[in-house]
Amino acid sequence: MTADLIVIVALCCLLISLGLAWLASLILYARLATLKRIFPASHQLIRAHIDFLLMSMLLVMFYYLGQAFGVEYPAWTIALLCIGAVYNPLGFIVLAIKPDMANPKTSGEKLRILLGFLPATLGFGGASLLVLQAVLAG
């Protein structure tokens, strides 16, 4: 697994973000009833749009930080960066379709949501520590 995967996923996140911006615009401004029925909480699409855009920028940043400081990310870091960058914003799309999931009722539902943050946290956290180590090592 090479660091180039980070750029590929970043570009995919950017394209998804652009698609979500159009989708939200069609719901909010063109008032397409069919899309509104599919995405009753359409404001969550805007959150997903912003989150995918943010993930895209973070992935590109870590790719170039790795290049600049000679960091070779281990495969687990690359995998968690990429999985976390896609999985994290997907939650907003789910909430746009099923807004009732925003209020988890059981401990299992709450645990599922919290565990969903792990890939992004571990991926970006691990990459941060590796770059920081390289910077401090000079």
Protein backbone atom coordinates (compact mmCIF):
# COMPACT_ATOMS: atom_id res chain seq x y z
CA MET A 1 0.00 0.00 0.00
CA THR A 2 1.60 3.25 -1.11
CA ALA A 3 1.04 6.84 -0.05
CA ASP A 4 -0.42 7.50 -3.52
CA LEU A 5 -3.62 5.89 -2.21
CA ILE A 6 -3.96 8.90 0.10
CA VAL A 7 -4.15 11.23 -2.93
CA ILE A 8 -6.58 8.93 -4.76
CA VAL A 9 -8.93 8.87 -1.77
CA ALA A 10 -8.54 12.65 -1.32
CA LEU A 11 -9.64 13.23 -4.91
CA CYS A 12 -12.58 10.84 -4.46
CA CYS A 13 -13.60 12.75 -1.31
CA LEU A 14 -13.43 16.01 -3.26
CA LEU A 15 -15.61 14.62 -6.06
CA ILE A 16 -18.13 13.25 -3.56
CA SER A 17 -18.17 16.65 -1.83
CA LEU A 18 -18.94 18.39 -5.12
CA GLY A 19 -21.73 15.92 -5.83
CA LEU A 20 -23.22 16.47 -2.38
CA ALA A 21 -23.13 20.24 -2.89
CA TRP A 22 -25.16 19.83 -6.06
CA LEU A 23 -27.53 17.38 -4.41
CA ALA A 24 -28.17 19.74 -1.50
CA SER A 25 -28.63 22.65 -3.93
CA LEU A 26 -31.19 20.71 -5.95
CA ILE A 27 -33.13 19.99 -2.76
CA LEU A 28 -32.88 23.47 -1.25
CA TYR A 29 -33.14 25.69 -4.32
CA ALA A 30 -34.73 23.61 -7.08
CA ARG A 31 -37.07 22.12 -4.48
CA LEU A 32 -37.07 18.65 -6.00
CA ALA A 33 -39.67 16.79 -3.94
CA THR A 34 -38.37 13.34 -4.86
CA LEU A 35 -34.93 14.13 -3.46
CA LYS A 36 -36.46 15.73 -0.37
CA ARG A 37 -38.34 12.49 0.31
CA ILE A 38 -35.12 10.49 0.02
CA PHE A 39 -33.16 12.99 2.16
CA PRO A 40 -35.67 14.42 4.67
CA ALA A 41 -32.86 15.95 6.77
CA SER A 42 -31.15 17.62 3.81
CA HIS A 43 -29.09 19.91 6.08
CA GLN A 44 -27.08 16.77 6.90
CA LEU A 45 -25.99 16.66 3.24
CA ILE A 46 -24.34 20.04 3.71
CA ARG A 47 -22.53 18.67 6.75
CA ALA A 48 -21.39 15.67 4.70
CA HIS A 49 -20.27 18.02 1.90
CA ILE A 50 -18.14 20.04 4.32
CA ASP A 51 -16.77 16.94 6.05
CA PHE A 52 -15.75 15.30 2.76
CA LEU A 53 -14.10 18.56 1.71
CA LEU A 54 -12.26 18.76 5.03
CA MET A 55 -11.14 15.14 4.76
CA SER A 56 -9.88 15.79 1.24
CA MET A 57 -7.76 18.71 2.44
CA LEU A 58 -6.42 16.77 5.42
CA LEU A 59 -5.44 13.82 3.25
CA VAL A 60 -3.60 16.05 0.79
CA MET A 61 -1.90 17.83 3.68
CA PHE A 62 -0.64 14.57 5.17
CA TYR A 63 0.48 13.32 1.79
CA TYR A 64 2.66 16.41 1.27
CA LEU A 65 3.84 16.49 4.88
CA GLY A 66 5.02 12.92 4.42
CA GLN A 67 6.82 13.94 1.23
CA ALA A 68 8.36 17.05 2.80
CA PHE A 69 9.69 15.31 5.90
CA GLY A 70 10.51 11.91 4.42
CA VAL A 71 7.83 10.03 6.35
CA GLU A 72 6.92 6.63 4.98
CA TYR A 73 3.53 5.90 6.44
CA PRO A 74 3.01 2.28 7.44
CA ALA A 75 0.21 0.44 5.65
CA TRP A 76 -2.03 0.56 8.74
CA THR A 77 -1.76 4.36 8.86
CA ILE A 78 -2.60 4.73 5.17
CA ALA A 79 -5.53 2.32 5.53
CA LEU A 80 -6.95 4.10 8.58
CA LEU A 81 -6.46 7.54 7.00
CA CYS A 82 -8.37 6.46 3.91
CA ILE A 83 -11.10 4.48 5.68
CA GLY A 84 -11.61 7.21 8.27
CA ALA A 85 -11.75 9.97 5.65
CA VAL A 86 -14.59 8.21 3.84
CA TYR A 87 -16.41 6.58 6.76
CA ASN A 88 -16.59 9.67 8.97
CA PRO A 89 -18.65 11.87 6.59
CA LEU A 90 -20.82 8.93 5.47
CA GLY A 91 -22.57 9.19 8.82
CA PHE A 92 -24.05 12.53 7.78
CA ILE A 93 -25.47 10.97 4.60
CA VAL A 94 -27.07 8.24 6.70
CA LEU A 95 -28.56 10.93 8.96
CA ALA A 96 -29.89 12.79 5.92
CA ILE A 97 -31.79 9.64 4.94
CA LYS A 98 -32.69 8.44 8.46
CA PRO A 99 -32.77 11.47 10.77
CA ASP A 100 -34.04 9.37 13.71
CA MET A 101 -30.58 7.78 13.93
CA ALA A 102 -29.27 11.08 15.31
CA ASN A 103 -30.68 10.10 18.70
CA PRO A 104 -29.29 6.68 19.61
CA LYS A 105 -31.37 4.98 22.25
CA THR A 106 -29.49 1.87 23.24
CA SER A 107 -25.97 1.44 24.54
CA GLY A 108 -25.18 -0.62 21.44
CA GLU A 109 -26.25 2.21 19.13
CA LYS A 110 -24.16 4.70 21.09
CA LEU A 111 -21.16 2.37 21.02
CA ARG A 112 -21.53 1.90 17.24
CA ILE A 113 -21.40 5.67 16.75
CA LEU A 114 -18.39 6.10 19.02
CA LEU A 115 -16.51 3.22 17.36
CA GLY A 116 -17.14 4.89 14.01
CA PHE A 117 -14.79 7.70 15.01
CA LEU A 118 -11.86 5.33 15.55
CA PRO A 119 -10.51 4.95 12.00
CA ALA A 120 -10.20 8.72 11.43
CA THR A 121 -8.86 9.32 14.93
CA LEU A 122 -6.24 6.58 14.72
CA GLY A 123 -5.31 7.36 11.11
CA PHE A 124 -4.93 11.12 11.46
CA GLY A 125 -3.52 10.80 14.97
CA GLY A 126 -0.97 8.21 13.88
CA ALA A 127 0.05 10.27 10.84
CA SER A 128 0.38 13.36 13.03
CA LEU A 129 2.69 11.56 15.45
CA LEU A 130 4.83 10.20 12.61
CA VAL A 131 5.23 13.64 11.00
CA LEU A 132 5.88 15.25 14.39
CA GLN A 133 8.56 12.65 15.12
CA ALA A 134 10.21 13.37 11.75
CA VAL A 135 10.09 17.14 12.31
CA LEU A 136 11.59 16.90 15.78
CA ALA A 137 14.29 14.50 14.59
CA GLY A 138 15.33 17.25 12.18
